[in-house]
PDB file of N, CA and C in Angstrom:
ATOM      1  N   MET A   1      94.496 102.091 112.199  1.00  0.00           N
ATOM      2  CA  MET A   1      95.771 102.281 112.853  1.00  0.00           C
ATOM      3  C   MET A   1      96.662 103.051 111.886  1.00  0.00           C
ATOM      4  N   PRO A   2      97.337 104.075 112.340  1.00  0.00           N
ATOM      5  CA  PRO A   2      98.210 104.838 111.451  1.00  0.00           C
ATOM      6  C   PRO A   2      99.464 104.048 111.060  1.00  0.00           C
ATOM      7  N   PHE A   3      99.883 104.255 109.829  1.00  0.00           N
ATOM      8  CA  PHE A   3     101.135 103.710 109.315  1.00  0.00           C
ATOM      9  C   PHE A   3     101.634 104.709 108.292  1.00  0.00           C
ATOM     10  N   ASN A   4     102.839 105.194 108.473  1.00  0.00           N
ATOM     11  CA  ASN A   4     103.372 106.245 107.602  1.00  0.00           C
ATOM     12  C   ASN A   4     102.429 107.441 107.525  1.00  0.00           C
ATOM     13  N   GLU A   5     101.871 107.802 108.662  1.00  0.00           N
ATOM     14  CA  GLU A   5     100.993 108.959 108.824  1.00  0.00           C
ATOM     15  C   GLU A   5      99.687 108.857 108.052  1.00  0.00           C
ATOM     16  N   GLN A   6      99.312 107.646 107.634  1.00  0.00           N
ATOM     17  CA  GLN A   6      98.027 107.415 106.992  1.00  0.00           C
ATOM     18  C   GLN A   6      97.312 106.308 107.762  1.00  0.00           C
ATOM     19  N   LEU A   7      95.982 106.407 107.824  1.00  0.00           N
ATOM     20  CA  LEU A   7      95.209 105.370 108.500  1.00  0.00           C
ATOM     21  C   LEU A   7      95.117 104.137 107.609  1.00  0.00           C
ATOM     22  N   HIS A   8      95.340 102.977 108.190  1.00  0.00           N
ATOM     23  CA  HIS A   8      95.237 101.710 107.482  1.00  0.00           C
ATOM     24  C   HIS A   8      94.389 100.750 108.306  1.00  0.00           C
ATOM     25  N   LEU A   9      93.739  99.858 107.600  1.00  0.00           N
ATOM     26  CA  LEU A   9      92.996  98.789 108.238  1.00  0.00           C
ATOM     27  C   LEU A   9      93.966  97.656 108.535  1.00  0.00           C
ATOM     28  N   PHE A  10      93.867  97.091 109.723  1.00  0.00           N
ATOM     29  CA  PHE A  10      94.681  95.942 110.110  1.00  0.00           C
ATOM     30  C   PHE A  10      93.764  94.780 110.461  1.00  0.00           C
ATOM     31  N   ALA A  11      94.173  93.584 110.086  1.00  0.00           N
ATOM     32  CA  ALA A  11      93.472  92.369 110.500  1.00  0.00           C
ATOM     33  C   ALA A  11      94.151  91.847 111.755  1.00  0.00           C
ATOM     34  N   VAL A  12      93.403  91.737 112.835  1.00  0.00           N
ATOM     35  CA  VAL A  12      93.913  91.131 114.061  1.00  0.00           C
ATOM     36  C   VAL A  12      93.641  89.637 113.911  1.00  0.00           C
ATOM     37  N   MET A  13      94.716  88.865 113.881  1.00  0.00           N
ATOM     38  CA  MET A  13      94.626  87.470 113.476  1.00  0.00           C
ATOM     39  C   MET A  13      94.325  86.496 114.612  1.00  0.00           C
ATOM     40  N   ASN A  14      94.455  86.925 115.846  1.00  0.00           N
ATOM     41  CA  ASN A  14      94.247  85.997 116.966  1.00  0.00           C
ATOM     42  C   ASN A  14      93.821  86.741 118.215  1.00  0.00           C
ATOM     43  N   ASP A  15      93.165  86.000 119.095  1.00  0.00           N
ATOM     44  CA  ASP A  15      92.965  86.509 120.445  1.00  0.00           C
ATOM     45  C   ASP A  15      94.338  86.516 121.098  1.00  0.00           C
ATOM     46  N   PRO A  16      94.536  87.324 122.121  1.00  0.00           N
ATOM     47  CA  PRO A  16      95.864  87.353 122.761  1.00  0.00           C
ATOM     48  C   PRO A  16      96.317  85.952 123.183  1.00  0.00           C
ATOM     49  N   CYS A  17      97.559  85.661 122.873  1.00  0.00           N
ATOM     50  CA  CYS A  17      98.163  84.376 123.248  1.00  0.00           C
ATOM     51  C   CYS A  17      98.584  84.446 124.719  1.00  0.00           C
ATOM     52  N   PRO A  18      99.127  83.373 125.292  1.00  0.00           N
ATOM     53  CA  PRO A  18      99.582  83.430 126.686  1.00  0.00           C
ATOM     54  C   PRO A  18     100.597  84.547 126.965  1.00  0.00           C
ATOM     55  N   SER A  19     101.342  84.942 125.943  1.00  0.00           N
ATOM     56  CA  SER A  19     102.295  86.057 126.104  1.00  0.00           C
ATOM     57  C   SER A  19     101.620  87.405 125.899  1.00  0.00           C
ATOM     58  N   ARG A  20     100.291  87.399 125.688  1.00  0.00           N
ATOM     59  CA  ARG A  20      99.462  88.596 125.519  1.00  0.00           C
ATOM     60  C   ARG A  20      99.748  89.331 124.202  1.00  0.00           C
ATOM     61  N   LEU A  21     100.201  88.595 123.185  1.00  0.00           N
ATOM     62  CA  LEU A  21     100.499  89.196 121.883  1.00  0.00           C
ATOM     63  C   LEU A  21      99.391  88.890 120.889  1.00  0.00           C
ATOM     64  N   CYS A  22      99.217  89.811 119.947  1.00  0.00           N
ATOM     65  CA  CYS A  22      98.295  89.623 118.837  1.00  0.00           C
ATOM     66  C   CYS A  22      99.070  89.830 117.541  1.00  0.00           C
ATOM     67  N   LEU A  23      98.801  88.981 116.569  1.00  0.00           N
ATOM     68  CA  LEU A  23      99.393  89.103 115.248  1.00  0.00           C
ATOM     69  C   LEU A  23      98.500  90.019 114.420  1.00  0.00           C
ATOM     70  N   MET A  24      99.105  91.038 113.826  1.00  0.00           N
ATOM     71  CA  MET A  24      98.339  92.003 113.040  1.00  0.00           C
ATOM     72  C   MET A  24      98.927  92.125 111.641  1.00  0.00           C
ATOM     73  N   CYS A  25      98.026  92.143 110.659  1.00  0.00           N
ATOM     74  CA  CYS A  25      98.418  92.245 109.250  1.00  0.00           C
ATOM     75  C   CYS A  25      97.730  93.467 108.636  1.00  0.00           C
ATOM     76  N   MET A  26      98.506  94.275 107.925  1.00  0.00           N
ATOM     77  CA  MET A  26      98.007  95.523 107.365  1.00  0.00           C
ATOM     78  C   MET A  26      97.398  95.336 105.982  1.00  0.00           C
ATOM     79  N   VAL A  27      96.296  96.053 105.747  1.00  0.00           N
ATOM     80  CA  VAL A  27      95.663  96.130 104.433  1.00  0.00           C
ATOM     81  C   VAL A  27      96.118  97.434 103.792  1.00  0.00           C
ATOM     82  N   THR A  28      96.505  97.363 102.537  1.00  0.00           N
ATOM     83  CA  THR A  28      96.875  98.574 101.814  1.00  0.00           C
ATOM     84  C   THR A  28      96.345  98.477 100.394  1.00  0.00           C
ATOM     85  N   SER A  29      96.103  99.617  99.777  1.00  0.00           N
ATOM     86  CA  SER A  29      95.517  99.599  98.439  1.00  0.00           C
ATOM     87  C   SER A  29      96.566  99.262  97.381  1.00  0.00           C
ATOM     88  N   ILE A  30      96.088  98.671  96.300  1.00  0.00           N
ATOM     89  CA  ILE A  30      96.947  98.357  95.165  1.00  0.00           C
ATOM     90  C   ILE A  30      97.132  99.643  94.365  1.00  0.00           C
ATOM     91  N   LYS A  31      98.363  99.990  94.123  1.00  0.00           N
ATOM     92  CA  LYS A  31      98.688 101.208  93.379  1.00  0.00           C
ATOM     93  C   LYS A  31      98.989 100.849  91.919  1.00  0.00           C
ATOM     94  N   PRO A  32      98.534 101.666  90.974  1.00  0.00           N
ATOM     95  CA  PRO A  32      98.814 101.382  89.561  1.00  0.00           C
ATOM     96  C   PRO A  32     100.321 101.304  89.305  1.00  0.00           C
ATOM     97  N   ASN A  33     100.697 100.354  88.496  1.00  0.00           N
ATOM     98  CA  ASN A  33     102.093 100.187  88.069  1.00  0.00           C
ATOM     99  C   ASN A  33     103.062  99.931  89.212  1.00  0.00           C
ATOM    100  N   ARG A  34     102.568  99.403  90.342  1.00  0.00           N
ATOM    101  CA  ARG A  34     103.443  99.050  91.457  1.00  0.00           C
ATOM    102  C   ARG A  34     103.276  97.571  91.780  1.00  0.00           C
ATOM    103  N   VAL A  35     104.377  96.951  92.119  1.00  0.00           N
ATOM    104  CA  VAL A  35     104.352  95.534  92.474  1.00  0.00           C
ATOM    105  C   VAL A  35     103.655  95.371  93.827  1.00  0.00           C
ATOM    106  N   TYR A  36     102.887  94.303  93.960  1.00  0.00           N
ATOM    107  CA  TYR A  36     102.229  94.010  95.230  1.00  0.00           C
ATOM    108  C   TYR A  36     102.236  92.504  95.444  1.00  0.00           C
ATOM    109  N   ASP A  37     102.052  92.104  96.682  1.00  0.00           N
ATOM    110  CA  ASP A  37     102.023  90.690  97.058  1.00  0.00           C
ATOM    111  C   ASP A  37     100.644  90.136  96.693  1.00  0.00           C
ATOM    112  N   PRO A  38     100.572  89.172  95.769  1.00  0.00           N
ATOM    113  CA  PRO A  38      99.268  88.650  95.346  1.00  0.00           C
ATOM    114  C   PRO A  38      98.694  87.557  96.267  1.00  0.00           C
ATOM    115  N   ALA A  39      99.335  87.286  97.402  1.00  0.00           N
ATOM    116  CA  ALA A  39      98.898  86.189  98.265  1.00  0.00           C
ATOM    117  C   ALA A  39      97.459  86.359  98.759  1.00  0.00           C
ATOM    118  N   CYS A  40      97.038  87.598  98.997  1.00  0.00           N
ATOM    119  CA  CYS A  40      95.652  87.846  99.424  1.00  0.00           C
ATOM    120  C   CYS A  40      95.211  89.220  98.930  1.00  0.00           C
ATOM    121  N   VAL A  41      94.499  89.213  97.825  1.00  0.00           N
ATOM    122  CA  VAL A  41      93.951  90.451  97.265  1.00  0.00           C
ATOM    123  C   VAL A  41      92.532  90.610  97.786  1.00  0.00           C
ATOM    124  N   LEU A  42      92.215  91.809  98.228  1.00  0.00           N
ATOM    125  CA  LEU A  42      90.875  92.127  98.724  1.00  0.00           C
ATOM    126  C   LEU A  42      90.206  93.093  97.757  1.00  0.00           C
ATOM    127  N   ASN A  43      88.913  92.949  97.618  1.00  0.00           N
ATOM    128  CA  ASN A  43      88.142  93.831  96.749  1.00  0.00           C
ATOM    129  C   ASN A  43      87.086  94.555  97.558  1.00  0.00           C
ATOM    130  N   ALA A  44      86.559  95.609  96.980  1.00  0.00           N
ATOM    131  CA  ALA A  44      85.477  96.340  97.642  1.00  0.00           C
ATOM    132  C   ALA A  44      84.401  95.333  98.033  1.00  0.00           C
ATOM    133  N   GLY A  45      83.954  95.419  99.274  1.00  0.00           N
ATOM    134  CA  GLY A  45      82.936  94.516  99.780  1.00  0.00           C
ATOM    135  C   GLY A  45      83.487  93.366 100.597  1.00  0.00           C
ATOM    136  N   ASP A  46      84.797  93.107 100.509  1.00  0.00           N
ATOM    137  CA  ASP A  46      85.383  92.056 101.340  1.00  0.00           C
ATOM    138  C   ASP A  46      85.407  92.466 102.814  1.00  0.00           C
ATOM    139  N   HIS A  47      85.318  93.753 103.071  1.00  0.00           N
ATOM    140  CA  HIS A  47      85.206  94.336 104.413  1.00  0.00           C
ATOM    141  C   HIS A  47      84.610  95.722 104.206  1.00  0.00           C
ATOM    142  N   PRO A  48      83.789  96.215 105.136  1.00  0.00           N
ATOM    143  CA  PRO A  48      83.186  97.537 104.943  1.00  0.00           C
ATOM    144  C   PRO A  48      84.192  98.666 104.713  1.00  0.00           C
ATOM    145  N   MET A  49      85.409  98.522 105.229  1.00  0.00           N
ATOM    146  CA  MET A  49      86.413  99.582 105.063  1.00  0.00           C
ATOM    147  C   MET A  49      87.216  99.441 103.767  1.00  0.00           C
ATOM    148  N   VAL A  50      87.075  98.331 103.082  1.00  0.00           N
ATOM    149  CA  VAL A  50      87.800  98.124 101.825  1.00  0.00           C
ATOM    150  C   VAL A  50      86.912  98.632 100.692  1.00  0.00           C
ATOM    151  N   THR A  51      87.352  99.709 100.056  1.00  0.00           N
ATOM    152  CA  THR A  51      86.541 100.347  99.024  1.00  0.00           C
ATOM    153  C   THR A  51      87.163 100.269  97.638  1.00  0.00           C
ATOM    154  N   ARG A  52      88.383  99.742  97.557  1.00  0.00           N
ATOM    155  CA  ARG A  52      89.059  99.607  96.262  1.00  0.00           C
ATOM    156  C   ARG A  52      90.000  98.406  96.338  1.00  0.00           C
ATOM    157  N   PRO A  53      90.504  97.943  95.193  1.00  0.00           N
ATOM    158  CA  PRO A  53      91.403  96.789  95.232  1.00  0.00           C
ATOM    159  C   PRO A  53      92.566  97.021  96.200  1.00  0.00           C
ATOM    160  N   SER A  54      92.768  96.048  97.079  1.00  0.00           N
ATOM    161  CA  SER A  54      93.765  96.144  98.144  1.00  0.00           C
ATOM    162  C   SER A  54      94.417  94.785  98.333  1.00  0.00           C
ATOM    163  N   TYR A  55      95.431  94.759  99.172  1.00  0.00           N
ATOM    164  CA  TYR A  55      96.083  93.482  99.479  1.00  0.00           C
ATOM    165  C   TYR A  55      96.629  93.522 100.891  1.00  0.00           C
ATOM    166  N   ILE A  56      96.962  92.342 101.402  1.00  0.00           N
ATOM    167  CA  ILE A  56      97.545  92.244 102.733  1.00  0.00           C
ATOM    168  C   ILE A  56      99.054  92.369 102.581  1.00  0.00           C
ATOM    169  N   LEU A  57      99.626  93.272 103.322  1.00  0.00           N
ATOM    170  CA  LEU A  57     101.067  93.547 103.266  1.00  0.00           C
ATOM    171  C   LEU A  57     101.756  92.667 104.322  1.00  0.00           C
ATOM    172  N   TYR A  58     101.916  91.403 103.986  1.00  0.00           N
ATOM    173  CA  TYR A  58     102.438  90.429 104.944  1.00  0.00           C
ATOM    174  C   TYR A  58     103.859  90.739 105.399  1.00  0.00           C
ATOM    175  N   ARG A  59     104.638  91.395 104.594  1.00  0.00           N
ATOM    176  CA  ARG A  59     106.024  91.673 105.013  1.00  0.00           C
ATOM    177  C   ARG A  59     106.075  92.589 106.230  1.00  0.00           C
ATOM    178  N   PHE A  60     104.983  93.318 106.501  1.00  0.00           N
ATOM    179  CA  PHE A  60     104.923  94.177 107.686  1.00  0.00           C
ATOM    180  C   PHE A  60     104.030  93.589 108.781  1.00  0.00           C
ATOM    181  N   ALA A  61     103.699  92.314 108.678  1.00  0.00           N
ATOM    182  CA  ALA A  61     102.934  91.668 109.761  1.00  0.00           C
ATOM    183  C   ALA A  61     103.726  91.839 111.056  1.00  0.00           C
ATOM    184  N   THR A  62     103.012  92.083 112.118  1.00  0.00           N
ATOM    185  CA  THR A  62     103.694  92.410 113.373  1.00  0.00           C
ATOM    186  C   THR A  62     102.958  91.821 114.570  1.00  0.00           C
ATOM    187  N   LEU A  63     103.692  91.678 115.660  1.00  0.00           N
ATOM    188  CA  LEU A  63     103.120  91.235 116.927  1.00  0.00           C
ATOM    189  C   LEU A  63     103.007  92.442 117.836  1.00  0.00           C
ATOM    190  N   ILE A  64     101.824  92.648 118.387  1.00  0.00           N
ATOM    191  CA  ILE A  64     101.584  93.804 119.256  1.00  0.00           C
ATOM    192  C   ILE A  64     100.964  93.313 120.552  1.00  0.00           C
ATOM    193  N   ASN A  65     101.443  93.849 121.652  1.00  0.00           N
ATOM    194  CA  ASN A  65     100.946  93.498 122.978  1.00  0.00           C
ATOM    195  C   ASN A  65      99.502  93.947 123.144  1.00  0.00           C
ATOM    196  N   GLU A  66      98.701  93.062 123.723  1.00  0.00           N
ATOM    197  CA  GLU A  66      97.285  93.339 123.941  1.00  0.00           C
ATOM    198  C   GLU A  66      97.064  94.652 124.710  1.00  0.00           C
ATOM    199  N   MET A  67      97.850  94.900 125.724  1.00  0.00           N
ATOM    200  CA  MET A  67      97.666  96.121 126.523  1.00  0.00           C
ATOM    201  C   MET A  67      97.940  97.372 125.684  1.00  0.00           C
ATOM    202  N   HIS A  68      98.913  97.292 124.793  1.00  0.00           N
ATOM    203  CA  HIS A  68      99.192  98.424 123.906  1.00  0.00           C
ATOM    204  C   HIS A  68      97.993  98.676 122.988  1.00  0.00           C
ATOM    205  N   ILE A  69      97.434  97.604 122.455  1.00  0.00           N
ATOM    206  CA  ILE A  69      96.265  97.749 121.588  1.00  0.00           C
ATOM    207  C   ILE A  69      95.119  98.389 122.362  1.00  0.00           C
ATOM    208  N   ARG A  70      94.862  97.904 123.578  1.00  0.00           N
ATOM    209  CA  ARG A  70      93.772  98.474 124.389  1.00  0.00           C
ATOM    210  C   ARG A  70      94.017  99.955 124.692  1.00  0.00           C
ATOM    211  N   LYS A  71      95.256 100.295 125.012  1.00  0.00           N
ATOM    212  CA  LYS A  71      95.601 101.691 125.295  1.00  0.00           C
ATOM    213  C   LYS A  71      95.365 102.565 124.067  1.00  0.00           C
ATOM    214  N   MET A  72      95.784 102.088 122.908  1.00  0.00           N
ATOM    215  CA  MET A  72      95.621 102.859 121.670  1.00  0.00           C
ATOM    216  C   MET A  72      94.149 102.986 121.284  1.00  0.00           C
ATOM    217  N   LEU A  73      93.359 101.944 121.557  1.00  0.00           N
ATOM    218  CA  LEU A  73      91.925 102.017 121.304  1.00  0.00           C
ATOM    219  C   LEU A  73      91.254 103.018 122.245  1.00  0.00           C
ATOM    220  N   SER A  74      91.627 102.979 123.518  1.00  0.00           N
ATOM    221  CA  SER A  74      90.987 103.887 124.478  1.00  0.00           C
ATOM    222  C   SER A  74      91.365 105.337 124.216  1.00  0.00           C
ATOM    223  N   SER A  75      92.539 105.572 123.666  1.00  0.00           N
ATOM    224  CA  SER A  75      92.946 106.938 123.332  1.00  0.00           C
ATOM    225  C   SER A  75      92.468 107.351 121.944  1.00  0.00           C
ATOM    226  N   GLN A  76      91.789 106.429 121.255  1.00  0.00           N
ATOM    227  CA  GLN A  76      91.255 106.625 119.911  1.00  0.00           C
ATOM    228  C   GLN A  76      92.350 106.859 118.862  1.00  0.00           C
ATOM    229  N   PHE A  77      93.568 106.425 119.179  1.00  0.00           N
ATOM    230  CA  PHE A  77      94.644 106.447 118.185  1.00  0.00           C
ATOM    231  C   PHE A  77      94.431 105.294 117.209  1.00  0.00           C
ATOM    232  N   TYR A  78      93.896 104.167 117.713  1.00  0.00           N
ATOM    233  CA  TYR A  78      93.439 103.057 116.878  1.00  0.00           C
ATOM    234  C   TYR A  78      91.924 103.108 116.911  1.00  0.00           C
ATOM    235  N   ARG A  79      91.296 102.653 115.857  1.00  0.00           N
ATOM    236  CA  ARG A  79      89.840 102.574 115.804  1.00  0.00           C
ATOM    237  C   ARG A  79      89.431 101.140 115.514  1.00  0.00           C
ATOM    238  N   GLN A  80      88.476 100.666 116.264  1.00  0.00           N
ATOM    239  CA  GLN A  80      87.988  99.313 116.051  1.00  0.00           C
ATOM    240  C   GLN A  80      86.906  99.333 114.982  1.00  0.00           C
ATOM    241  N   HIS A  81      86.979  98.386 114.055  1.00  0.00           N
ATOM    242  CA  HIS A  81      86.001  98.264 112.988  1.00  0.00           C
ATOM    243  C   HIS A  81      85.386  96.870 113.028  1.00  0.00           C
ATOM    244  N   HIS A  82      84.509  96.612 112.095  1.00  0.00           N
ATOM    245  CA  HIS A  82      83.874  95.294 111.999  1.00  0.00           C
ATOM    246  C   HIS A  82      84.923  94.224 111.749  1.00  0.00           C
ATOM    247  N   ASP A  83      84.629  93.021 112.240  1.00  0.00           N
ATOM    248  CA  ASP A  83      85.465  91.873 111.911  1.00  0.00           C
ATOM    249  C   ASP A  83      85.374  91.613 110.410  1.00  0.00           C
ATOM    250  N   PHE A  84      86.407  90.982 109.876  1.00  0.00           N
ATOM    251  CA  PHE A  84      86.332  90.518 108.499  1.00  0.00           C
ATOM    252  C   PHE A  84      85.321  89.379 108.443  1.00  0.00           C
ATOM    253  N   PRO A  85      84.551  89.284 107.356  1.00  0.00           N
ATOM    254  CA  PRO A  85      83.709  88.097 107.205  1.00  0.00           C
ATOM    255  C   PRO A  85      84.607  86.853 107.248  1.00  0.00           C
ATOM    256  N   MET A  86      84.096  85.747 107.782  1.00  0.00           N
ATOM    257  CA  MET A  86      84.913  84.553 107.967  1.00  0.00           C
ATOM    258  C   MET A  86      85.550  84.086 106.670  1.00  0.00           C
ATOM    259  N   VAL A  87      84.835  84.156 105.562  1.00  0.00           N
ATOM    260  CA  VAL A  87      85.409  83.711 104.288  1.00  0.00           C
ATOM    261  C   VAL A  87      86.619  84.570 103.910  1.00  0.00           C
ATOM    262  N   THR A  88      86.552  85.860 104.169  1.00  0.00           N
ATOM    263  CA  THR A  88      87.676  86.760 103.887  1.00  0.00           C
ATOM    264  C   THR A  88      88.809  86.506 104.870  1.00  0.00           C
ATOM    265  N   PHE A  89      88.473  86.338 106.144  1.00  0.00           N
ATOM    266  CA  PHE A  89      89.499  86.070 107.153  1.00  0.00           C
ATOM    267  C   PHE A  89      90.280  84.806 106.798  1.00  0.00           C
ATOM    268  N   LYS A  90      89.572  83.771 106.355  1.00  0.00           N
ATOM    269  CA  LYS A  90      90.249  82.528 105.977  1.00  0.00           C
ATOM    270  C   LYS A  90      91.189  82.747 104.801  1.00  0.00           C
ATOM    271  N   ARG A  91      90.821  83.609 103.862  1.00  0.00           N
ATOM    272  CA  ARG A  91      91.727  83.947 102.753  1.00  0.00           C
ATOM    273  C   ARG A  91      92.969  84.668 103.273  1.00  0.00           C
ATOM    274  N   ILE A  92      92.804  85.518 104.283  1.00  0.00           N
ATOM    275  CA  ILE A  92      93.951  86.226 104.873  1.00  0.00           C
ATOM    276  C   ILE A  92      94.888  85.222 105.545  1.00  0.00           C
ATOM    277  N   VAL A  93      94.315  84.242 106.239  1.00  0.00           N
ATOM    278  CA  VAL A  93      95.129  83.210 106.895  1.00  0.00           C
ATOM    279  C   VAL A  93      95.892  82.392 105.856  1.00  0.00           C
ATOM    280  N   VAL A  94      95.222  81.967 104.811  1.00  0.00           N
ATOM    281  CA  VAL A  94      95.886  81.198 103.752  1.00  0.00           C
ATOM    282  C   VAL A  94      97.031  82.027 103.161  1.00  0.00           C
ATOM    283  N   GLY A  95      96.775  83.294 102.914  1.00  0.00           N
ATOM    284  CA  GLY A  95      97.804  84.175 102.368  1.00  0.00           C
ATOM    285  C   GLY A  95      98.987  84.340 103.302  1.00  0.00           C
ATOM    286  N   LEU A  96      98.728  84.378 104.603  1.00  0.00           N
ATOM    287  CA  LEU A  96      99.805  84.495 105.588  1.00  0.00           C
ATOM    288  C   LEU A  96     100.826  83.380 105.390  1.00  0.00           C
ATOM    289  N   TYR A  97     100.331  82.160 105.182  1.00  0.00           N
ATOM    290  CA  TYR A  97     101.212  81.007 105.033  1.00  0.00           C
ATOM    291  C   TYR A  97     101.774  80.860 103.616  1.00  0.00           C
ATOM    292  N   SER A  98     101.073  81.382 102.614  1.00  0.00           N
ATOM    293  CA  SER A  98     101.535  81.196 101.230  1.00  0.00           C
ATOM    294  C   SER A  98     102.381  82.357 100.714  1.00  0.00           C
ATOM    295  N   SER A  99     102.295  83.506 101.356  1.00  0.00           N
ATOM    296  CA  SER A  99     103.069  84.661 100.898  1.00  0.00           C
ATOM    297  C   SER A  99     104.566  84.410 101.061  1.00  0.00           C
ATOM    298  N   GLN A 100     105.308  84.775 100.058  1.00  0.00           N
ATOM    299  CA  GLN A 100     106.766  84.695 100.145  1.00  0.00           C
ATOM    300  C   GLN A 100     107.334  85.849 100.959  1.00  0.00           C
ATOM    301  N   GLU A 101     106.488  86.788 101.339  1.00  0.00           N
ATOM    302  CA  GLU A 101     106.940  87.975 102.069  1.00  0.00           C
ATOM    303  C   GLU A 101     106.695  87.905 103.572  1.00  0.00           C
ATOM    304  N   THR A 102     105.988  86.897 104.048  1.00  0.00           N
ATOM    305  CA  THR A 102     105.742  86.785 105.489  1.00  0.00           C
ATOM    306  C   THR A 102     107.054  86.455 106.194  1.00  0.00           C
ATOM    307  N   PRO A 103     107.463  87.282 107.165  1.00  0.00           N
ATOM    308  CA  PRO A 103     108.714  87.003 107.883  1.00  0.00           C
ATOM    309  C   PRO A 103     108.676  85.643 108.596  1.00  0.00           C
ATOM    310  N   ASN A 104     109.810  84.979 108.645  1.00  0.00           N
ATOM    311  CA  ASN A 104     109.898  83.658 109.269  1.00  0.00           C
ATOM    312  C   ASN A 104     109.446  83.672 110.726  1.00  0.00           C
ATOM    313  N   GLY A 105     109.798  84.708 111.467  1.00  0.00           N
ATOM    314  CA  GLY A 105     109.378  84.794 112.866  1.00  0.00           C
ATOM    315  C   GLY A 105     107.863  84.863 113.007  1.00  0.00           C
ATOM    316  N   ILE A 106     107.207  85.534 112.077  1.00  0.00           N
ATOM    317  CA  ILE A 106     105.742  85.616 112.089  1.00  0.00           C
ATOM    318  C   ILE A 106     105.147  84.248 111.775  1.00  0.00           C
ATOM    319  N   LEU A 107     105.721  83.548 110.798  1.00  0.00           N
ATOM    320  CA  LEU A 107     105.238  82.203 110.466  1.00  0.00           C
ATOM    321  C   LEU A 107     105.379  81.261 111.662  1.00  0.00           C
ATOM    322  N   LYS A 108     106.508  81.358 112.345  1.00  0.00           N
ATOM    323  CA  LYS A 108     106.731  80.510 113.518  1.00  0.00           C
ATOM    324  C   LYS A 108     105.697  80.816 114.615  1.00  0.00           C
ATOM    325  N   TYR A 109     105.470  82.100 114.859  1.00  0.00           N
ATOM    326  CA  TYR A 109     104.470  82.494 115.855  1.00  0.00           C
ATOM    327  C   TYR A 109     103.089  81.976 115.452  1.00  0.00           C
ATOM    328  N   ALA A 110     102.702  82.198 114.193  1.00  0.00           N
ATOM    329  CA  ALA A 110     101.382  81.807 113.730  1.00  0.00           C
ATOM    330  C   ALA A 110     101.172  80.298 113.871  1.00  0.00           C
ATOM    331  N   ALA A 111     102.208  79.536 113.615  1.00  0.00           N
ATOM    332  CA  ALA A 111     102.089  78.083 113.735  1.00  0.00           C
ATOM    333  C   ALA A 111     101.958  77.635 115.184  1.00  0.00           C
ATOM    334  N   SER A 112     102.362  78.491 116.120  1.00  0.00           N
ATOM    335  CA  SER A 112     102.366  78.112 117.536  1.00  0.00           C
ATOM    336  C   SER A 112     101.070  78.454 118.267  1.00  0.00           C
ATOM    337  N   ILE A 113     100.177  79.189 117.610  1.00  0.00           N
ATOM    338  CA  ILE A 113      98.945  79.649 118.265  1.00  0.00           C
ATOM    339  C   ILE A 113      97.733  79.284 117.413  1.00  0.00           C
ATOM    340  N   PRO A 114      96.559  79.265 118.014  1.00  0.00           N
ATOM    341  CA  PRO A 114      95.373  79.071 117.193  1.00  0.00           C
ATOM    342  C   PRO A 114      94.977  80.386 116.521  1.00  0.00           C
ATOM    343  N   ILE A 115      94.863  80.341 115.213  1.00  0.00           N
ATOM    344  CA  ILE A 115      94.344  81.499 114.474  1.00  0.00           C
ATOM    345  C   ILE A 115      92.961  81.104 114.000  1.00  0.00           C
ATOM    346  N   SER A 116      91.964  81.871 114.462  1.00  0.00           N
ATOM    347  CA  SER A 116      90.593  81.568 114.037  1.00  0.00           C
ATOM    348  C   SER A 116      89.723  82.796 114.167  1.00  0.00           C
TER     349      SER A 116
END
C-alpha cells in the first residue's frame, strides 16, 4: 500500500468487524540515526517482504473500510502478500498494546474486536 508515495507493507490486524472496518498497521524500515518505536522490531525473515530491520509504525495505525480495501486490491493500487507468520503477528499485537505511540482510539477499537 502506498504511503508518502512509497510502497509499504501493512499488517491487517482483523477480519472486518460488524462496522466493516479493518485495523491496519504499517511496517517501515529503521533508518540510521533516527528514532523509532521499539515496541515491535521486525527483522529479515519475519515476513517475506521484510528484507532489513524494520518496525511497526503504530502512531499511523488506521481503520480502513473493507470495501475500500477490496476496491484498492482489485485496482492493484494495494497488493496482497503472504500473511505474517503467527509468531510474528502475535508480536505485532503485543506491540500494538505496549507502544506508547498507538493512538487511544485505535486501542479502544482493538479492545472491542477479536484480533487473531
